[in-house]
């Protein structure tokens, strides 16, 4: 579906035996965990408590980060849609 994220050398988090164990504790696939850690997937409300359970911050922190990201995206999209179209002069 998404491909294998560990093949991209630009991603800071890579596939390791540790990532497989963490994914199992979270109840997700290793690729899904890597997508999340590398900013390629969002945090769902049911994922945030699982991240909290393994000691990776609070669920509230994860949800605030996700909400902030979504708000920034909406503002960017809105600004892009409101830009006037300028005529091209030859």
Protein backbone atom coordinates (compact mmCIF):
# COMPACT_ATOMS: atom_id res chain seq x y z
CA UNK A 1 0.00 0.00 0.00
CA UNK A 2 2.53 2.62 1.11
CA UNK A 3 5.68 0.79 0.09
CA UNK A 4 8.52 -0.01 2.42
CA UNK A 5 9.70 3.18 4.18
CA UNK A 6 13.03 1.68 5.24
CA UNK A 7 14.34 1.89 1.66
CA UNK A 8 14.49 5.69 1.72
CA UNK A 9 17.83 6.94 3.02
CA UNK A 10 16.32 10.38 3.73
CA UNK A 11 14.15 9.08 6.56
CA UNK A 12 15.73 9.42 10.01
CA UNK A 13 13.98 6.36 11.50
CA UNK A 14 14.74 3.04 9.86
CA UNK A 15 13.58 -0.53 10.18
CA UNK A 16 15.31 -2.32 13.05
CA UNK A 17 14.54 -5.21 15.38
CA UNK A 18 13.63 -2.55 17.96
CA UNK A 19 11.10 -0.94 15.66
CA UNK A 20 9.40 -4.32 15.20
CA UNK A 21 9.09 -4.76 18.97
CA UNK A 22 7.73 -1.23 19.43
CA UNK A 23 5.23 -1.70 16.59
CA UNK A 24 4.06 -4.94 18.20
CA UNK A 25 3.55 -3.12 21.52
CA UNK A 26 1.55 -0.44 19.72
CA UNK A 27 -0.48 -3.03 17.85
CA UNK A 28 0.53 -1.82 14.40
CA UNK A 29 2.79 -2.85 11.54
CA UNK A 30 6.44 -1.78 11.58
CA UNK A 31 5.93 0.19 8.35
CA UNK A 32 3.05 2.11 9.94
CA UNK A 33 5.23 2.99 12.93
CA UNK A 34 7.99 4.22 10.63
CA UNK A 35 5.52 6.29 8.61
CA UNK A 36 4.36 7.90 11.86
CA UNK A 37 7.86 8.57 13.20
CA UNK A 38 9.02 10.02 9.90
CA UNK A 39 6.07 12.39 9.62
CA UNK A 40 4.46 10.56 6.70
CA UNK A 41 1.33 9.56 8.64
CA UNK A 42 -0.82 11.33 11.19
CA UNK A 43 -1.50 10.39 14.79
CA UNK A 44 -4.94 8.91 15.33
CA UNK A 45 -6.87 9.28 18.57
CA UNK A 46 -6.47 5.57 19.30
CA UNK A 47 -2.71 5.69 18.61
CA UNK A 48 -1.95 8.55 21.00
CA UNK A 49 -2.75 6.58 24.19
CA UNK A 50 -0.68 3.65 22.90
CA UNK A 51 2.30 5.98 22.40
CA UNK A 52 1.74 7.29 25.92
CA UNK A 53 1.63 3.72 27.28
CA UNK A 54 5.13 2.99 25.96
CA UNK A 55 6.47 6.20 27.50
CA UNK A 56 6.63 8.39 24.40
CA UNK A 57 5.05 11.53 25.84
CA UNK A 58 1.43 12.06 26.70
CA UNK A 59 -1.57 11.33 24.52
CA UNK A 60 -2.50 15.00 24.82
CA UNK A 61 0.91 16.02 23.48
CA UNK A 62 0.53 13.76 20.41
CA UNK A 63 -2.99 15.01 19.72
CA UNK A 64 -1.91 18.68 20.08
CA UNK A 65 0.91 18.07 17.61
CA UNK A 66 -1.52 16.46 15.15
CA UNK A 67 -4.06 19.28 15.55
CA UNK A 68 -1.35 21.91 15.06
CA UNK A 69 -0.19 20.19 11.90
CA UNK A 70 -3.71 19.94 10.49
CA UNK A 71 -4.41 23.59 11.28
CA UNK A 72 -1.19 24.68 9.58
CA UNK A 73 -2.12 22.61 6.51
CA UNK A 74 -5.61 24.14 6.40
CA UNK A 75 -4.18 27.66 6.64
CA UNK A 76 -1.67 26.92 3.90
CA UNK A 77 -4.35 25.49 1.64
CA UNK A 78 -6.66 28.42 2.33
CA UNK A 79 -3.94 30.95 1.59
CA UNK A 80 -3.06 29.17 -1.65
CA UNK A 81 -6.71 29.18 -2.73
CA UNK A 82 -7.11 32.88 -2.00
CA UNK A 83 -4.10 34.03 -4.02
CA UNK A 84 -5.21 36.07 -7.00
CA UNK A 85 -4.44 34.71 -10.41
CA UNK A 86 -2.15 37.13 -12.18
CA UNK A 87 -2.22 37.62 -15.90
CA UNK A 88 0.84 36.54 -17.81
CA UNK A 89 2.36 39.21 -20.01
CA UNK A 90 4.13 38.10 -23.15
